[in-house]
């Protein structure tokens, strides 16, 4: 099985609802997110790729126009804007375009990440 991944970044703010008032994530804050899309295939295409990295640039454009320097609560229309929810949302977007996608990982900090893998 061949596996490739490409990493992207964006900055955004959010407030996570349903948390105690003293929880830091219940307050307005932001992250410099990193998103990693992971693709797998048992075979390579005619050019020797799982998927050409150039094609994955469409995710960069999507992030730039949808979430870059935005308030995620406004983008999602709710206040459950956790890394887990973002990972699933981006997985669905990617999987609809590239069938080889197996997971999307979202990092809020260098030490924390959430991954959606069905």
PDB file of N, CA and C in Angstrom:
ATOM      1  N   UNK A   1       0.850  -1.175   0.000  1.00  0.00           N
ATOM      2  CA  UNK A   1       0.000   0.000   0.000  1.00  0.00           C
ATOM      3  C   UNK A   1       0.892   1.233   0.000  1.00  0.00           C
ATOM      4  N   UNK A   2       0.613   2.158  -0.895  1.00  0.00           N
ATOM      5  CA  UNK A   2       1.331   3.427  -0.955  1.00  0.00           C
ATOM      6  C   UNK A   2       0.546   4.468  -0.158  1.00  0.00           C
ATOM      7  N   UNK A   3       1.261   5.284   0.585  1.00  0.00           N
ATOM      8  CA  UNK A   3       0.630   6.348   1.367  1.00  0.00           C
ATOM      9  C   UNK A   3       1.355   7.653   1.094  1.00  0.00           C
ATOM     10  N   UNK A   4       0.584   8.710   0.838  1.00  0.00           N
ATOM     11  CA  UNK A   4       1.135  10.057   0.712  1.00  0.00           C
ATOM     12  C   UNK A   4       0.329  10.984   1.612  1.00  0.00           C
ATOM     13  N   UNK A   5       0.901  12.125   1.909  1.00  0.00           N
ATOM     14  CA  UNK A   5       0.208  13.132   2.701  1.00  0.00           C
ATOM     15  C   UNK A   5       0.705  14.506   2.283  1.00  0.00           C
ATOM     16  N   UNK A   6      -0.161  15.486   2.450  1.00  0.00           N
ATOM     17  CA  UNK A   6       0.229  16.868   2.193  1.00  0.00           C
ATOM     18  C   UNK A   6      -0.336  17.709   3.316  1.00  0.00           C
ATOM     19  N   UNK A   7       0.458  18.669   3.779  1.00  0.00           N
ATOM     20  CA  UNK A   7       0.090  19.511   4.909  1.00  0.00           C
ATOM     21  C   UNK A   7      -0.203  20.932   4.437  1.00  0.00           C
ATOM     22  N   UNK A   8      -1.205  21.520   5.049  1.00  0.00           N
ATOM     23  CA  UNK A   8      -1.628  22.888   4.764  1.00  0.00           C
ATOM     24  C   UNK A   8      -1.807  23.604   6.097  1.00  0.00           C
ATOM     25  N   UNK A   9      -1.872  24.938   6.068  1.00  0.00           N
ATOM     26  CA  UNK A   9      -2.067  25.703   7.292  1.00  0.00           C
ATOM     27  C   UNK A   9      -3.070  26.814   7.063  1.00  0.00           C
ATOM     28  N   UNK A  10      -3.766  27.158   8.147  1.00  0.00           N
ATOM     29  CA  UNK A  10      -4.634  28.332   8.138  1.00  0.00           C
ATOM     30  C   UNK A  10      -4.765  28.850   9.559  1.00  0.00           C
ATOM     31  N   UNK A  11      -5.146  30.110   9.680  1.00  0.00           N
ATOM     32  CA  UNK A  11      -5.365  30.725  10.983  1.00  0.00           C
ATOM     33  C   UNK A  11      -6.827  31.117  11.086  1.00  0.00           C
ATOM     34  N   UNK A  12      -7.427  30.843  12.253  1.00  0.00           N
ATOM     35  CA  UNK A  12      -8.840  31.165  12.447  1.00  0.00           C
ATOM     36  C   UNK A  12      -9.140  31.258  13.943  1.00  0.00           C
ATOM     37  N   UNK A  13     -10.253  31.909  14.247  1.00  0.00           N
ATOM     38  CA  UNK A  13     -10.719  32.011  15.628  1.00  0.00           C
ATOM     39  C   UNK A  13     -11.957  31.154  15.817  1.00  0.00           C
ATOM     40  N   UNK A  14     -12.282  30.876  17.084  1.00  0.00           N
ATOM     41  CA  UNK A  14     -13.520  30.178  17.399  1.00  0.00           C
ATOM     42  C   UNK A  14     -13.790  30.248  18.890  1.00  0.00           C
ATOM     43  N   UNK A  15     -14.991  29.865  19.243  1.00  0.00           N
ATOM     44  CA  UNK A  15     -15.422  29.677  20.625  1.00  0.00           C
ATOM     45  C   UNK A  15     -16.128  28.329  20.638  1.00  0.00           C
ATOM     46  N   UNK A  16     -15.755  27.458  21.544  1.00  0.00           N
ATOM     47  CA  UNK A  16     -16.424  26.162  21.638  1.00  0.00           C
ATOM     48  C   UNK A  16     -17.527  26.267  22.692  1.00  0.00           C
ATOM     49  N   UNK A  17     -18.738  26.022  22.268  1.00  0.00           N
ATOM     50  CA  UNK A  17     -19.884  26.117  23.157  1.00  0.00           C
ATOM     51  C   UNK A  17     -20.054  24.876  24.012  1.00  0.00           C
ATOM     52  N   UNK A  18     -20.892  25.004  25.038  1.00  0.00           N
ATOM     53  CA  UNK A  18     -21.216  23.875  25.885  1.00  0.00           C
ATOM     54  C   UNK A  18     -20.172  23.563  26.939  1.00  0.00           C
ATOM     55  N   UNK A  19     -19.171  24.414  27.070  1.00  0.00           N
ATOM     56  CA  UNK A  19     -18.106  24.196  28.055  1.00  0.00           C
ATOM     57  C   UNK A  19     -18.340  25.087  29.272  1.00  0.00           C
ATOM     58  N   UNK A  20     -17.796  24.726  30.422  1.00  0.00           N
ATOM     59  CA  UNK A  20     -17.898  25.608  31.593  1.00  0.00           C
ATOM     60  C   UNK A  20     -17.269  26.968  31.293  1.00  0.00           C
ATOM     61  N   UNK A  21     -17.805  28.007  31.875  1.00  0.00           N
ATOM     62  CA  UNK A  21     -17.328  29.372  31.603  1.00  0.00           C
ATOM     63  C   UNK A  21     -15.838  29.532  31.881  1.00  0.00           C
ATOM     64  N   UNK A  22     -15.297  28.785  32.830  1.00  0.00           N
ATOM     65  CA  UNK A  22     -13.878  28.926  33.169  1.00  0.00           C
ATOM     66  C   UNK A  22     -12.954  28.153  32.208  1.00  0.00           C
ATOM     67  N   UNK A  23     -13.517  27.356  31.331  1.00  0.00           N
ATOM     68  CA  UNK A  23     -12.696  26.599  30.370  1.00  0.00           C
ATOM     69  C   UNK A  23     -12.111  27.577  29.347  1.00  0.00           C
ATOM     70  N   UNK A  24     -10.815  27.505  29.059  1.00  0.00           N
ATOM     71  CA  UNK A  24     -10.208  28.462  28.127  1.00  0.00           C
ATOM     72  C   UNK A  24     -10.814  28.419  26.718  1.00  0.00           C
ATOM     73  N   UNK A  25     -11.311  27.266  26.298  1.00  0.00           N
ATOM     74  CA  UNK A  25     -11.880  27.170  24.952  1.00  0.00           C
ATOM     75  C   UNK A  25     -13.294  27.738  24.862  1.00  0.00           C
ATOM     76  N   UNK A  26     -13.876  28.087  26.018  1.00  0.00           N
ATOM     77  CA  UNK A  26     -15.191  28.730  26.026  1.00  0.00           C
ATOM     78  C   UNK A  26     -15.074  30.217  25.712  1.00  0.00           C
ATOM     79  N   UNK A  27     -13.845  30.723  25.724  1.00  0.00           N
ATOM     80  CA  UNK A  27     -13.600  32.132  25.390  1.00  0.00           C
ATOM     81  C   UNK A  27     -13.148  32.241  23.935  1.00  0.00           C
ATOM     82  N   UNK A  28     -13.319  33.407  23.371  1.00  0.00           N
ATOM     83  CA  UNK A  28     -12.832  33.671  22.015  1.00  0.00           C
ATOM     84  C   UNK A  28     -11.316  33.479  21.992  1.00  0.00           C
ATOM     85  N   UNK A  29     -10.859  32.647  21.073  1.00  0.00           N
ATOM     86  CA  UNK A  29      -9.429  32.401  20.906  1.00  0.00           C
ATOM     87  C   UNK A  29      -9.180  31.932  19.484  1.00  0.00           C
ATOM     88  N   UNK A  30      -7.927  31.786  19.123  1.00  0.00           N
ATOM     89  CA  UNK A  30      -7.602  31.349  17.771  1.00  0.00           C
ATOM     90  C   UNK A  30      -6.451  30.364  17.757  1.00  0.00           C
ATOM     91  N   UNK A  31      -6.267  29.775  16.597  1.00  0.00           N
ATOM     92  CA  UNK A  31      -5.187  28.798  16.392  1.00  0.00           C
ATOM     93  C   UNK A  31      -4.556  29.027  15.030  1.00  0.00           C
ATOM     94  N   UNK A  32      -3.316  28.621  14.926  1.00  0.00           N
ATOM     95  CA  UNK A  32      -2.656  28.462  13.642  1.00  0.00           C
ATOM     96  C   UNK A  32      -2.760  26.975  13.332  1.00  0.00           C
ATOM     97  N   UNK A  33      -3.822  26.614  12.643  1.00  0.00           N
ATOM     98  CA  UNK A  33      -4.124  25.217  12.370  1.00  0.00           C
ATOM     99  C   UNK A  33      -3.197  24.643  11.312  1.00  0.00           C
ATOM    100  N   UNK A  34      -2.915  23.363  11.433  1.00  0.00           N
ATOM    101  CA  UNK A  34      -2.292  22.600  10.355  1.00  0.00           C
ATOM    102  C   UNK A  34      -3.246  21.477   9.990  1.00  0.00           C
ATOM    103  N   UNK A  35      -3.422  21.284   8.702  1.00  0.00           N
ATOM    104  CA  UNK A  35      -4.302  20.241   8.181  1.00  0.00           C
ATOM    105  C   UNK A  35      -3.451  19.313   7.330  1.00  0.00           C
ATOM    106  N   UNK A  36      -3.572  18.021   7.580  1.00  0.00           N
ATOM    107  CA  UNK A  36      -2.853  17.035   6.781  1.00  0.00           C
ATOM    108  C   UNK A  36      -3.863  16.095   6.142  1.00  0.00           C
ATOM    109  N   UNK A  37      -3.829  16.015   4.826  1.00  0.00           N
ATOM    110  CA  UNK A  37      -4.688  15.082   4.108  1.00  0.00           C
ATOM    111  C   UNK A  37      -3.834  13.864   3.741  1.00  0.00           C
ATOM    112  N   UNK A  38      -4.371  12.678   4.025  1.00  0.00           N
ATOM    113  CA  UNK A  38      -3.628  11.425   3.854  1.00  0.00           C
ATOM    114  C   UNK A  38      -4.353  10.570   2.819  1.00  0.00           C
ATOM    115  N   UNK A  39      -3.609  10.097   1.831  1.00  0.00           N
ATOM    116  CA  UNK A  39      -4.177   9.303   0.747  1.00  0.00           C
ATOM    117  C   UNK A  39      -3.428   7.986   0.642  1.00  0.00           C
ATOM    118  N   UNK A  40      -4.147   6.936   0.242  1.00  0.00           N
ATOM    119  CA  UNK A  40      -3.531   5.625   0.064  1.00  0.00           C
ATOM    120  C   UNK A  40      -4.060   4.960  -1.203  1.00  0.00           C
ATOM    121  N   UNK A  41      -3.199   4.136  -1.782  1.00  0.00           N
ATOM    122  CA  UNK A  41      -3.597   3.344  -2.938  1.00  0.00           C
ATOM    123  C   UNK A  41      -2.687   2.113  -3.020  1.00  0.00           C
ATOM    124  N   UNK A  42      -3.261   0.975  -3.412  1.00  0.00           N
ATOM    125  CA  UNK A  42      -2.417  -0.215  -3.576  1.00  0.00           C
ATOM    126  C   UNK A  42      -1.571  -0.144  -4.846  1.00  0.00           C
ATOM    127  N   UNK A  43      -1.957   0.745  -5.758  1.00  0.00           N
ATOM    128  CA  UNK A  43      -1.237   0.868  -7.024  1.00  0.00           C
ATOM    129  C   UNK A  43      -0.976   2.333  -7.334  1.00  0.00           C
ATOM    130  N   UNK A  44       0.005   2.577  -8.183  1.00  0.00           N
ATOM    131  CA  UNK A  44       0.321   3.923  -8.638  1.00  0.00           C
ATOM    132  C   UNK A  44      -0.307   4.170 -10.000  1.00  0.00           C
ATOM    133  N   UNK A  45      -0.563   5.442 -10.297  1.00  0.00           N
ATOM    134  CA  UNK A  45      -1.111   5.770 -11.611  1.00  0.00           C
ATOM    135  C   UNK A  45      -0.009   5.708 -12.668  1.00  0.00           C
ATOM    136  N   UNK A  46      -0.331   6.052 -13.883  1.00  0.00           N
ATOM    137  CA  UNK A  46       0.613   5.965 -14.988  1.00  0.00           C
ATOM    138  C   UNK A  46       1.839   6.843 -14.833  1.00  0.00           C
ATOM    139  N   UNK A  47       1.742   7.881 -14.019  1.00  0.00           N
ATOM    140  CA  UNK A  47       2.881   8.767 -13.766  1.00  0.00           C
ATOM    141  C   UNK A  47       3.696   8.347 -12.556  1.00  0.00           C
ATOM    142  N   UNK A  48       3.211   7.331 -11.834  1.00  0.00           N
ATOM    143  CA  UNK A  48       3.923   6.872 -10.648  1.00  0.00           C
ATOM    144  C   UNK A  48       3.457   7.522  -9.356  1.00  0.00           C
ATOM    145  N   UNK A  49       2.248   8.084  -9.373  1.00  0.00           N
ATOM    146  CA  UNK A  49       1.697   8.771  -8.201  1.00  0.00           C
ATOM    147  C   UNK A  49       0.542   7.993  -7.596  1.00  0.00           C
ATOM    148  N   UNK A  50       0.335   8.166  -6.280  1.00  0.00           N
ATOM    149  CA  UNK A  50      -0.950   7.840  -5.667  1.00  0.00           C
ATOM    150  C   UNK A  50      -1.947   8.880  -6.159  1.00  0.00           C
ATOM    151  N   UNK A  51      -1.557  10.136  -6.043  1.00  0.00           N
ATOM    152  CA  UNK A  51      -2.300  11.289  -6.550  1.00  0.00           C
ATOM    153  C   UNK A  51      -1.264  12.395  -6.679  1.00  0.00           C
ATOM    154  N   UNK A  52      -1.271  13.126  -7.768  1.00  0.00           N
ATOM    155  CA  UNK A  52      -0.316  14.213  -7.980  1.00  0.00           C
ATOM    156  C   UNK A  52      -0.523  15.276  -6.897  1.00  0.00           C
ATOM    157  N   UNK A  53       0.533  15.603  -6.171  1.00  0.00           N
ATOM    158  CA  UNK A  53       0.441  16.633  -5.130  1.00  0.00           C
ATOM    159  C   UNK A  53      -0.128  17.941  -5.675  1.00  0.00           C
ATOM    160  N   UNK A  54       0.149  18.238  -6.924  1.00  0.00           N
ATOM    161  CA  UNK A  54      -0.346  19.469  -7.545  1.00  0.00           C
ATOM    162  C   UNK A  54      -1.870  19.545  -7.463  1.00  0.00           C
ATOM    163  N   UNK A  55      -2.538  18.422  -7.666  1.00  0.00           N
ATOM    164  CA  UNK A  55      -3.999  18.401  -7.598  1.00  0.00           C
ATOM    165  C   UNK A  55      -4.515  18.760  -6.209  1.00  0.00           C
ATOM    166  N   UNK A  56      -3.744  18.411  -5.187  1.00  0.00           N
ATOM    167  CA  UNK A  56      -4.164  18.667  -3.815  1.00  0.00           C
ATOM    168  C   UNK A  56      -4.151  20.153  -3.474  1.00  0.00           C
ATOM    169  N   UNK A  57      -3.565  20.958  -4.348  1.00  0.00           N
ATOM    170  CA  UNK A  57      -3.585  22.407  -4.157  1.00  0.00           C
ATOM    171  C   UNK A  57      -4.991  22.976  -4.091  1.00  0.00           C
ATOM    172  N   UNK A  58      -5.970  22.237  -4.601  1.00  0.00           N
ATOM    173  CA  UNK A  58      -7.363  22.686  -4.503  1.00  0.00           C
ATOM    174  C   UNK A  58      -7.780  22.839  -3.043  1.00  0.00           C
ATOM    175  N   UNK A  59      -7.202  22.037  -2.149  1.00  0.00           N
ATOM    176  CA  UNK A  59      -7.509  22.173  -0.729  1.00  0.00           C
ATOM    177  C   UNK A  59      -6.962  23.498  -0.203  1.00  0.00           C
ATOM    178  N   UNK A  60      -5.800  23.903  -0.657  1.00  0.00           N
ATOM    179  CA  UNK A  60      -5.229  25.202  -0.264  1.00  0.00           C
ATOM    180  C   UNK A  60      -6.199  26.330  -0.636  1.00  0.00           C
ATOM    181  N   UNK A  61      -6.710  26.280  -1.852  1.00  0.00           N
ATOM    182  CA  UNK A  61      -7.651  27.305  -2.310  1.00  0.00           C
ATOM    183  C   UNK A  61      -8.924  27.294  -1.475  1.00  0.00           C
ATOM    184  N   UNK A  62      -9.436  26.094  -1.160  1.00  0.00           N
ATOM    185  CA  UNK A  62     -10.634  25.981  -0.346  1.00  0.00           C
ATOM    186  C   UNK A  62     -10.410  26.581   1.039  1.00  0.00           C
ATOM    187  N   UNK A  63      -9.294  26.247   1.657  1.00  0.00           N
ATOM    188  CA  UNK A  63      -8.989  26.787   2.981  1.00  0.00           C
ATOM    189  C   UNK A  63      -8.863  28.306   2.940  1.00  0.00           C
ATOM    190  N   UNK A  64      -8.188  28.822   1.913  1.00  0.00           N
ATOM    191  CA  UNK A  64      -8.000  30.270   1.791  1.00  0.00           C
ATOM    192  C   UNK A  64      -9.325  31.009   1.668  1.00  0.00           C
ATOM    193  N   UNK A  65     -10.242  30.461   0.907  1.00  0.00           N
ATOM    194  CA  UNK A  65     -11.507  31.172   0.664  1.00  0.00           C
ATOM    195  C   UNK A  65     -12.565  30.896   1.723  1.00  0.00           C
ATOM    196  N   UNK A  66     -12.412  29.824   2.500  1.00  0.00           N
ATOM    197  CA  UNK A  66     -13.463  29.416   3.423  1.00  0.00           C
ATOM    198  C   UNK A  66     -13.138  29.692   4.883  1.00  0.00           C
ATOM    199  N   UNK A  67     -11.907  29.398   5.326  1.00  0.00           N
ATOM    200  CA  UNK A  67     -11.600  29.493   6.753  1.00  0.00           C
ATOM    201  C   UNK A  67     -10.434  30.405   7.116  1.00  0.00           C
ATOM    202  N   UNK A  68      -9.582  30.730   6.186  1.00  0.00           N
ATOM    203  CA  UNK A  68      -8.407  31.548   6.492  1.00  0.00           C
ATOM    204  C   UNK A  68      -8.817  32.897   7.084  1.00  0.00           C
ATOM    205  N   UNK A  69      -8.324  33.177   8.284  1.00  0.00           N
ATOM    206  CA  UNK A  69      -8.616  34.413   9.026  1.00  0.00           C
ATOM    207  C   UNK A  69     -10.114  34.667   9.155  1.00  0.00           C
ATOM    208  N   UNK A  70     -10.853  33.605   9.439  1.00  0.00           N
ATOM    209  CA  UNK A  70     -12.304  33.695   9.665  1.00  0.00           C
ATOM    210  C   UNK A  70     -12.618  33.210  11.076  1.00  0.00           C
ATOM    211  N   UNK A  71     -13.849  33.493  11.485  1.00  0.00           N
ATOM    212  CA  UNK A  71     -14.360  32.997  12.759  1.00  0.00           C
ATOM    213  C   UNK A  71     -15.119  31.709  12.447  1.00  0.00           C
ATOM    214  N   UNK A  72     -14.608  30.577  12.910  1.00  0.00           N
ATOM    215  CA  UNK A  72     -15.152  29.273  12.524  1.00  0.00           C
ATOM    216  C   UNK A  72     -16.606  29.085  12.933  1.00  0.00           C
ATOM    217  N   UNK A  73     -17.046  29.713  14.018  1.00  0.00           N
ATOM    218  CA  UNK A  73     -18.452  29.617  14.410  1.00  0.00           C
ATOM    219  C   UNK A  73     -19.347  30.176  13.305  1.00  0.00           C
ATOM    220  N   UNK A  74     -18.893  31.232  12.633  1.00  0.00           N
ATOM    221  CA  UNK A  74     -19.659  31.793  11.519  1.00  0.00           C
ATOM    222  C   UNK A  74     -19.624  30.874  10.300  1.00  0.00           C
ATOM    223  N   UNK A  75     -18.468  30.291  10.032  1.00  0.00           N
ATOM    224  CA  UNK A  75     -18.322  29.387   8.878  1.00  0.00           C
ATOM    225  C   UNK A  75     -19.218  28.159   9.046  1.00  0.00           C
ATOM    226  N   UNK A  76     -19.205  27.564  10.233  1.00  0.00           N
ATOM    227  CA  UNK A  76     -19.955  26.331  10.477  1.00  0.00           C
ATOM    228  C   UNK A  76     -21.410  26.574  10.847  1.00  0.00           C
ATOM    229  N   UNK A  77     -21.706  27.768  11.344  1.00  0.00           N
ATOM    230  CA  UNK A  77     -23.069  28.071  11.738  1.00  0.00           C
ATOM    231  C   UNK A  77     -23.457  27.453  13.070  1.00  0.00           C
ATOM    232  N   UNK A  78     -22.461  27.057  13.868  1.00  0.00           N
ATOM    233  CA  UNK A  78     -22.702  26.513  15.207  1.00  0.00           C
ATOM    234  C   UNK A  78     -21.443  26.704  16.046  1.00  0.00           C
ATOM    235  N   UNK A  79     -21.517  26.306  17.317  1.00  0.00           N
ATOM    236  CA  UNK A  79     -20.385  26.541  18.215  1.00  0.00           C
ATOM    237  C   UNK A  79     -19.674  25.261  18.642  1.00  0.00           C
ATOM    238  N   UNK A  80     -19.806  24.196  17.881  1.00  0.00           N
ATOM    239  CA  UNK A  80     -19.070  22.948  18.168  1.00  0.00           C
ATOM    240  C   UNK A  80     -17.934  22.808  17.154  1.00  0.00           C
ATOM    241  N   UNK A  81     -17.056  23.800  17.159  1.00  0.00           N
ATOM    242  CA  UNK A  81     -15.983  23.893  16.163  1.00  0.00           C
ATOM    243  C   UNK A  81     -14.683  23.286  16.691  1.00  0.00           C
ATOM    244  N   UNK A  82     -14.790  22.059  17.160  1.00  0.00           N
ATOM    245  CA  UNK A  82     -13.622  21.344  17.671  1.00  0.00           C
ATOM    246  C   UNK A  82     -12.748  20.859  16.516  1.00  0.00           C
ATOM    247  N   UNK A  83     -11.529  20.495  16.830  1.00  0.00           N
ATOM    248  CA  UNK A  83     -10.632  19.930  15.812  1.00  0.00           C
ATOM    249  C   UNK A  83     -11.229  18.661  15.225  1.00  0.00           C
ATOM    250  N   UNK A  84     -11.958  17.891  16.036  1.00  0.00           N
ATOM    251  CA  UNK A  84     -12.592  16.667  15.548  1.00  0.00           C
ATOM    252  C   UNK A  84     -13.651  16.980  14.481  1.00  0.00           C
ATOM    253  N   UNK A  85     -14.451  17.997  14.741  1.00  0.00           N
ATOM    254  CA  UNK A  85     -15.501  18.394  13.793  1.00  0.00           C
ATOM    255  C   UNK A  85     -14.879  18.942  12.511  1.00  0.00           C
ATOM    256  N   UNK A  86     -13.840  19.740  12.650  1.00  0.00           N
ATOM    257  CA  UNK A  86     -13.154  20.298  11.475  1.00  0.00           C
ATOM    258  C   UNK A  86     -12.531  19.182  10.646  1.00  0.00           C
ATOM    259  N   UNK A  87     -11.924  18.190  11.301  1.00  0.00           N
ATOM    260  CA  UNK A  87     -11.303  17.070  10.583  1.00  0.00           C
ATOM    261  C   UNK A  87     -12.339  16.316   9.764  1.00  0.00           C
ATOM    262  N   UNK A  88     -13.501  16.045  10.325  1.00  0.00           N
ATOM    263  CA  UNK A  88     -14.559  15.326   9.583  1.00  0.00           C
ATOM    264  C   UNK A  88     -15.057  16.150   8.410  1.00  0.00           C
ATOM    265  N   UNK A  89     -15.274  17.439   8.632  1.00  0.00           N
ATOM    266  CA  UNK A  89     -15.738  18.345   7.581  1.00  0.00           C
ATOM    267  C   UNK A  89     -14.746  18.379   6.409  1.00  0.00           C
ATOM    268  N   UNK A  90     -13.464  18.498   6.727  1.00  0.00           N
ATOM    269  CA  UNK A  90     -12.455  18.529   5.664  1.00  0.00           C
ATOM    270  C   UNK A  90     -12.280  17.162   5.010  1.00  0.00           C
ATOM    271  N   UNK A  91     -12.406  16.094   5.784  1.00  0.00           N
ATOM    272  CA  UNK A  91     -12.358  14.755   5.192  1.00  0.00           C
ATOM    273  C   UNK A  91     -13.457  14.619   4.135  1.00  0.00           C
ATOM    274  N   UNK A  92     -14.670  14.996   4.480  1.00  0.00           N
ATOM    275  CA  UNK A  92     -15.789  14.882   3.534  1.00  0.00           C
ATOM    276  C   UNK A  92     -15.524  15.691   2.274  1.00  0.00           C
ATOM    277  N   UNK A  93     -14.983  16.899   2.437  1.00  0.00           N
ATOM    278  CA  UNK A  93     -14.675  17.747   1.280  1.00  0.00           C
ATOM    279  C   UNK A  93     -13.622  17.075   0.399  1.00  0.00           C
ATOM    280  N   UNK A  94     -12.575  16.572   1.015  1.00  0.00           N
ATOM    281  CA  UNK A  94     -11.480  15.940   0.266  1.00  0.00           C
ATOM    282  C   UNK A  94     -11.926  14.634  -0.394  1.00  0.00           C
ATOM    283  N   UNK A  95     -12.633  13.794   0.339  1.00  0.00           N
ATOM    284  CA  UNK A  95     -13.049  12.481  -0.176  1.00  0.00           C
ATOM    285  C   UNK A  95     -13.941  12.621  -1.397  1.00  0.00           C
ATOM    286  N   UNK A  96     -14.746  13.682  -1.443  1.00  0.00           N
ATOM    287  CA  UNK A  96     -15.617  13.920  -2.597  1.00  0.00           C
ATOM    288  C   UNK A  96     -14.805  14.230  -3.857  1.00  0.00           C
ATOM    289  N   UNK A  97     -13.563  14.648  -3.691  1.00  0.00           N
ATOM    290  CA  UNK A  97     -12.715  15.012  -4.834  1.00  0.00           C
ATOM    291  C   UNK A  97     -11.666  13.960  -5.165  1.00  0.00           C
ATOM    292  N   UNK A  98     -11.159  13.289  -4.131  1.00  0.00           N
ATOM    293  CA  UNK A  98     -10.064  12.346  -4.309  1.00  0.00           C
ATOM    294  C   UNK A  98     -10.403  11.043  -3.603  1.00  0.00           C
ATOM    295  N   UNK A  99     -10.773  10.019  -4.329  1.00  0.00           N
ATOM    296  CA  UNK A  99     -11.212   8.775  -3.702  1.00  0.00           C
ATOM    297  C   UNK A  99     -10.125   8.088  -2.871  1.00  0.00           C
ATOM    298  N   UNK A 100      -8.877   8.436  -3.071  1.00  0.00           N
ATOM    299  CA  UNK A 100      -7.782   7.806  -2.329  1.00  0.00           C
ATOM    300  C   UNK A 100      -7.643   8.340  -0.900  1.00  0.00           C
ATOM    301  N   UNK A 101      -8.393   9.381  -0.553  1.00  0.00           N
ATOM    302  CA  UNK A 101      -8.285   9.968   0.795  1.00  0.00           C
ATOM    303  C   UNK A 101      -8.751   8.952   1.832  1.00  0.00           C
ATOM    304  N   UNK A 102      -7.916   8.751   2.860  1.00  0.00           N
ATOM    305  CA  UNK A 102      -8.258   7.821   3.948  1.00  0.00           C
ATOM    306  C   UNK A 102      -8.389   8.520   5.295  1.00  0.00           C
ATOM    307  N   UNK A 103      -7.838   9.725   5.417  1.00  0.00           N
ATOM    308  CA  UNK A 103      -7.907  10.435   6.696  1.00  0.00           C
ATOM    309  C   UNK A 103      -7.547  11.892   6.506  1.00  0.00           C
ATOM    310  N   UNK A 104      -8.027  12.697   7.440  1.00  0.00           N
ATOM    311  CA  UNK A 104      -7.612  14.093   7.550  1.00  0.00           C
ATOM    312  C   UNK A 104      -7.290  14.351   9.013  1.00  0.00           C
ATOM    313  N   UNK A 105      -6.149  14.980   9.241  1.00  0.00           N
ATOM    314  CA  UNK A 105      -5.691  15.321  10.586  1.00  0.00           C
ATOM    315  C   UNK A 105      -5.676  16.847  10.719  1.00  0.00           C
ATOM    316  N   UNK A 106      -6.159  17.340  11.842  1.00  0.00           N
ATOM    317  CA  UNK A 106      -6.170  18.773  12.128  1.00  0.00           C
ATOM    318  C   UNK A 106      -5.416  19.011  13.427  1.00  0.00           C
ATOM    319  N   UNK A 107      -4.378  19.835  13.357  1.00  0.00           N
ATOM    320  CA  UNK A 107      -3.579  20.191  14.534  1.00  0.00           C
ATOM    321  C   UNK A 107      -3.924  21.618  14.947  1.00  0.00           C
ATOM    322  N   UNK A 108      -4.240  21.785  16.227  1.00  0.00           N
ATOM    323  CA  UNK A 108      -4.468  23.123  16.762  1.00  0.00           C
ATOM    324  C   UNK A 108      -3.179  23.710  17.329  1.00  0.00           C
ATOM    325  N   UNK A 109      -2.340  22.847  17.826  1.00  0.00           N
ATOM    326  CA  UNK A 109      -1.038  23.249  18.360  1.00  0.00           C
ATOM    327  C   UNK A 109      -0.033  22.179  17.923  1.00  0.00           C
ATOM    328  N   UNK A 110       1.251  22.438  18.091  1.00  0.00           N
ATOM    329  CA  UNK A 110       2.236  21.408  17.744  1.00  0.00           C
ATOM    330  C   UNK A 110       2.087  20.122  18.565  1.00  0.00           C
ATOM    331  N   UNK A 111       1.413  20.199  19.723  1.00  0.00           N
ATOM    332  CA  UNK A 111       1.288  19.026  20.582  1.00  0.00           C
ATOM    333  C   UNK A 111      -0.067  18.319  20.494  1.00  0.00           C
ATOM    334  N   UNK A 112      -1.047  18.906  19.809  1.00  0.00           N
ATOM    335  CA  UNK A 112      -2.389  18.333  19.801  1.00  0.00           C
ATOM    336  C   UNK A 112      -2.920  18.185  18.382  1.00  0.00           C
ATOM    337  N   UNK A 113      -3.616  17.086  18.162  1.00  0.00           N
ATOM    338  CA  UNK A 113      -4.259  16.885  16.872  1.00  0.00           C
ATOM    339  C   UNK A 113      -5.465  15.979  17.014  1.00  0.00           C
ATOM    340  N   UNK A 114      -6.355  16.118  16.032  1.00  0.00           N
ATOM    341  CA  UNK A 114      -7.512  15.220  15.916  1.00  0.00           C
ATOM    342  C   UNK A 114      -7.502  14.702  14.488  1.00  0.00           C
ATOM    343  N   UNK A 115      -7.910  13.446  14.333  1.00  0.00           N
ATOM    344  CA  UNK A 115      -7.913  12.837  13.015  1.00  0.00           C
ATOM    345  C   UNK A 115      -9.267  12.195  12.779  1.00  0.00           C
ATOM    346  N   UNK A 116      -9.784  12.376  11.554  1.00  0.00           N
ATOM    347  CA  UNK A 116     -10.973  11.641  11.160  1.00  0.00           C
ATOM    348  C   UNK A 116     -10.557  10.622  10.123  1.00  0.00           C
ATOM    349  N   UNK A 117     -10.871   9.354  10.413  1.00  0.00           N
ATOM    350  CA  UNK A 117     -10.565   8.234   9.536  1.00  0.00           C
ATOM    351  C   UNK A 117     -11.756   7.279   9.671  1.00  0.00           C
ATOM    352  N   UNK A 118     -12.577   7.158   8.628  1.00  0.00           N
ATOM    353  CA  UNK A 118     -13.760   6.269   8.767  1.00  0.00           C
ATOM    354  C   UNK A 118     -13.378   4.801   8.909  1.00  0.00           C
TER     355      UNK A 118
END
